Amino acid sequence: MGSVVGLLKVGRKKLFLLDEVGKHREMVPQCVLDFYVVESRQRSGCGKRLFEFMLRRERIDPRYLAVDRPSPKLVSFFRKHYGLGTTIPQVNYFVIFSGFFKSQLKEEVRPAPKKTRIYMGKL
């Protein structure tokens, strides 16, 4: 029996976000709420595989994710694997990346948030 080496929690949240010019937008984007890989398994590809699985399952591009209070390691992960380094500052502790608002007009009128999903990676 394998052991869990990572956890990724995603879901939709109603957020008030600022775009590149400071305009407020009310949206219900897909959010990364928690992402953790056991320290001994970090930098071995486990987190990338778990994240890629979630992206395929959710059918979403990483630039369209809002990330709740990301650690410096997670921001570095996005920069390294997805070329997302430029953030748009927010007042609600979420981080969004440059390009977040491109092709996102339909997100503004989505229905109520779906249930949160948790992905776990096992050995």
C-alpha atoms as a PDB file:
ATOM      1  CA  MET A   1       0.000   0.000   0.000  1.00  0.00           C
ATOM      2  CA  GLY A   2       1.404   3.390  -0.981  1.00  0.00           C
ATOM      3  CA  SER A   3       1.597   6.497   1.140  1.00  0.00           C
ATOM      4  CA  VAL A   4       0.317   9.941   0.249  1.00  0.00           C
ATOM      5  CA  VAL A   5       3.129  12.220  -0.950  1.00  0.00           C
ATOM      6  CA  GLY A   6       1.104  15.249  -1.973  1.00  0.00           C
ATOM      7  CA  LEU A   7      -2.182  17.078  -1.627  1.00  0.00           C
ATOM      8  CA  LEU A   8      -3.820  19.592  -3.949  1.00  0.00           C
ATOM      9  CA  LYS A   9      -7.114  21.251  -3.021  1.00  0.00           C
ATOM     10  CA  VAL A  10      -8.975  23.237  -5.703  1.00  0.00           C
ATOM     11  CA  GLY A  11     -12.391  24.827  -5.967  1.00  0.00           C
ATOM     12  CA  ARG A  12     -14.303  27.865  -7.137  1.00  0.00           C
ATOM     13  CA  LYS A  13     -14.595  30.901  -4.905  1.00  0.00           C
ATOM     14  CA  LYS A  14     -16.420  34.169  -5.333  1.00  0.00           C
ATOM     15  CA  LEU A  15     -13.658  36.798  -5.404  1.00  0.00           C
ATOM     16  CA  PHE A  16     -13.346  40.497  -6.011  1.00  0.00           C
ATOM     17  CA  LEU A  17     -10.208  40.869  -8.131  1.00  0.00           C
ATOM     18  CA  LEU A  18      -8.289  43.819  -9.503  1.00  0.00           C
ATOM     19  CA  ASP A  19      -7.226  43.740 -13.135  1.00  0.00           C
ATOM     20  CA  GLU A  20      -4.005  45.220 -14.541  1.00  0.00           C
ATOM     21  CA  VAL A  21      -5.430  48.766 -14.483  1.00  0.00           C
ATOM     22  CA  GLY A  22      -6.963  48.501 -10.993  1.00  0.00           C
ATOM     23  CA  LYS A  23     -10.573  47.897 -12.056  1.00  0.00           C
ATOM     24  CA  HIS A  24     -12.562  45.660  -9.674  1.00  0.00           C
ATOM     25  CA  ARG A  25     -14.147  42.520 -11.077  1.00  0.00           C
ATOM     26  CA  GLU A  26     -16.420  40.100  -9.281  1.00  0.00           C
ATOM     27  CA  MET A  27     -15.603  36.570 -10.442  1.00  0.00           C
ATOM     28  CA  VAL A  28     -15.884  32.915  -9.471  1.00  0.00           C
ATOM     29  CA  PRO A  29     -12.573  31.525 -10.770  1.00  0.00           C
ATOM     30  CA  GLN A  30     -11.011  28.140 -10.194  1.00  0.00           C
ATOM     31  CA  CYS A  31      -8.691  28.489  -7.190  1.00  0.00           C
ATOM     32  CA  VAL A  32      -5.740  26.599  -5.784  1.00  0.00           C
ATOM     33  CA  LEU A  33      -6.588  26.527  -2.081  1.00  0.00           C
ATOM     34  CA  ASP A  34      -3.856  24.188  -0.794  1.00  0.00           C
ATOM     35  CA  PHE A  35      -0.878  22.482  -2.420  1.00  0.00           C
ATOM     36  CA  TYR A  36       1.616  20.453  -0.435  1.00  0.00           C
ATOM     37  CA  VAL A  37       4.190  17.809  -1.295  1.00  0.00           C
ATOM     38  CA  VAL A  38       6.002  15.939   1.487  1.00  0.00           C
ATOM     39  CA  GLU A  39       9.389  17.593   1.903  1.00  0.00           C
ATOM     40  CA  SER A  40      11.380  14.432   1.145  1.00  0.00           C
ATOM     41  CA  ARG A  41       9.515  14.129  -2.197  1.00  0.00           C
ATOM     42  CA  GLN A  42       9.823  17.771  -3.289  1.00  0.00           C
ATOM     43  CA  ARG A  43      11.903  18.515  -6.385  1.00  0.00           C
ATOM     44  CA  SER A  44      11.401  14.968  -7.681  1.00  0.00           C
ATOM     45  CA  GLY A  45       8.475  15.604 -10.061  1.00  0.00           C
ATOM     46  CA  CYS A  46       5.666  14.438  -7.744  1.00  0.00           C
ATOM     47  CA  GLY A  47       4.135  17.907  -7.409  1.00  0.00           C
ATOM     48  CA  LYS A  48       4.328  18.532 -11.145  1.00  0.00           C
ATOM     49  CA  ARG A  49       2.598  15.221 -11.904  1.00  0.00           C
ATOM     50  CA  LEU A  50      -0.127  15.944  -9.354  1.00  0.00           C
ATOM     51  CA  PHE A  51      -0.631  19.472 -10.680  1.00  0.00           C
ATOM     52  CA  GLU A  52      -0.714  18.302 -14.317  1.00  0.00           C
ATOM     53  CA  PHE A  53      -3.305  15.663 -13.428  1.00  0.00           C
ATOM     54  CA  MET A  54      -5.507  18.356 -11.859  1.00  0.00           C
ATOM     55  CA  LEU A  55      -5.097  20.675 -14.880  1.00  0.00           C
ATOM     56  CA  ARG A  56      -6.207  17.904 -17.250  1.00  0.00           C
ATOM     57  CA  ARG A  57      -9.098  16.862 -15.040  1.00  0.00           C
ATOM     58  CA  GLU A  58     -10.331  20.423 -14.515  1.00  0.00           C
ATOM     59  CA  ARG A  59      -9.586  21.389 -18.147  1.00  0.00           C
ATOM     60  CA  ILE A  60      -7.948  24.657 -17.176  1.00  0.00           C
ATOM     61  CA  ASP A  61      -4.838  26.593 -18.121  1.00  0.00           C
ATOM     62  CA  PRO A  62      -2.684  27.462 -15.070  1.00  0.00           C
ATOM     63  CA  ARG A  63      -2.752  31.199 -15.884  1.00  0.00           C
ATOM     64  CA  TYR A  64      -6.507  31.205 -15.143  1.00  0.00           C
ATOM     65  CA  LEU A  65      -6.071  29.981 -11.570  1.00  0.00           C
ATOM     66  CA  ALA A  66      -6.331  32.231  -8.517  1.00  0.00           C
ATOM     67  CA  VAL A  67      -3.931  30.988  -5.838  1.00  0.00           C
ATOM     68  CA  ASP A  68      -4.722  31.443  -2.147  1.00  0.00           C
ATOM     69  CA  ARG A  69      -1.734  32.755  -0.150  1.00  0.00           C
ATOM     70  CA  PRO A  70       1.001  31.023  -2.173  1.00  0.00           C
ATOM     71  CA  SER A  71       4.356  30.372  -0.551  1.00  0.00           C
ATOM     72  CA  PRO A  72       7.508  31.597  -2.286  1.00  0.00           C
ATOM     73  CA  LYS A  73       8.117  27.939  -3.269  1.00  0.00           C
ATOM     74  CA  LEU A  74       4.736  27.762  -5.006  1.00  0.00           C
ATOM     75  CA  VAL A  75       5.291  31.038  -6.869  1.00  0.00           C
ATOM     76  CA  SER A  76       8.661  29.614  -7.966  1.00  0.00           C
ATOM     77  CA  PHE A  77       6.897  26.386  -9.072  1.00  0.00           C
ATOM     78  CA  PHE A  78       4.556  28.398 -11.317  1.00  0.00           C
ATOM     79  CA  ARG A  79       7.463  30.383 -12.755  1.00  0.00           C
ATOM     80  CA  LYS A  80       9.584  27.301 -13.465  1.00  0.00           C
ATOM     81  CA  HIS A  81       6.920  24.994 -14.913  1.00  0.00           C
ATOM     82  CA  TYR A  82       4.432  27.398 -16.500  1.00  0.00           C
ATOM     83  CA  GLY A  83       6.361  30.604 -17.152  1.00  0.00           C
ATOM     84  CA  LEU A  84       4.070  32.524 -14.777  1.00  0.00           C
ATOM     85  CA  GLY A  85       6.184  34.986 -12.862  1.00  0.00           C
ATOM     86  CA  THR A  86       4.415  38.322 -13.207  1.00  0.00           C
ATOM     87  CA  THR A  87       1.617  38.715 -10.664  1.00  0.00           C
ATOM     88  CA  ILE A  88      -1.250  41.204 -10.449  1.00  0.00           C
ATOM     89  CA  PRO A  89      -1.353  42.424  -6.813  1.00  0.00           C
ATOM     90  CA  GLN A  90      -4.600  41.756  -4.931  1.00  0.00           C
ATOM     91  CA  VAL A  91      -5.915  42.928  -1.565  1.00  0.00           C
ATOM     92  CA  ASN A  92      -7.474  39.574  -0.587  1.00  0.00           C
ATOM     93  CA  TYR A  93      -4.274  37.449  -0.280  1.00  0.00           C
ATOM     94  CA  PHE A  94      -5.001  35.626  -3.524  1.00  0.00           C
ATOM     95  CA  VAL A  95      -2.423  35.815  -6.297  1.00  0.00           C
ATOM     96  CA  ILE A  96      -3.299  35.937  -9.964  1.00  0.00           C
ATOM     97  CA  PHE A  97      -0.822  35.983 -12.803  1.00  0.00           C
ATOM     98  CA  SER A  98      -0.504  38.225 -15.815  1.00  0.00           C
ATOM     99  CA  GLY A  99      -2.852  36.901 -18.511  1.00  0.00           C
ATOM    100  CA  PHE A 100      -5.514  35.877 -15.987  1.00  0.00           C
ATOM    101  CA  PHE A 101      -8.169  38.136 -17.517  1.00  0.00           C
ATOM    102  CA  LYS A 102      -7.566  37.161 -21.154  1.00  0.00           C
ATOM    103  CA  SER A 103     -10.550  35.083 -22.372  1.00  0.00           C
ATOM    104  CA  GLN A 104     -12.117  35.214 -18.900  1.00  0.00           C
ATOM    105  CA  LEU A 105     -15.274  37.210 -19.641  1.00  0.00           C
ATOM    106  CA  LYS A 106     -17.539  34.167 -19.221  1.00  0.00           C
ATOM    107  CA  GLU A 107     -16.076  33.484 -15.762  1.00  0.00           C
ATOM    108  CA  GLU A 108     -17.724  36.637 -14.427  1.00  0.00           C
ATOM    109  CA  VAL A 109     -21.244  35.234 -14.847  1.00  0.00           C
ATOM    110  CA  ARG A 110     -20.729  31.657 -13.656  1.00  0.00           C
ATOM    111  CA  PRO A 111     -23.288  30.074 -11.317  1.00  0.00           C
ATOM    112  CA  ALA A 112     -22.613  29.309  -7.644  1.00  0.00           C
ATOM    113  CA  PRO A 113     -19.289  27.618  -6.815  1.00  0.00           C
ATOM    114  CA  LYS A 114     -18.952  23.862  -7.253  1.00  0.00           C
ATOM    115  CA  LYS A 115     -17.787  21.654  -4.429  1.00  0.00           C
ATOM    116  CA  THR A 116     -14.083  21.781  -3.560  1.00  0.00           C
ATOM    117  CA  ARG A 117     -12.003  18.875  -4.870  1.00  0.00           C
ATOM    118  CA  ILE A 118      -8.916  17.340  -3.304  1.00  0.00           C
ATOM    119  CA  TYR A 119      -6.306  15.507  -5.352  1.00  0.00           C
ATOM    120  CA  MET A 120      -3.810  13.250  -3.580  1.00  0.00           C
ATOM    121  CA  GLY A 121      -0.651  11.772  -5.024  1.00  0.00           C
ATOM    122  CA  LYS A 122       0.406   8.329  -3.783  1.00  0.00           C
ATOM    123  CA  LEU A 123       3.654   6.428  -4.077  1.00  0.00           C
END
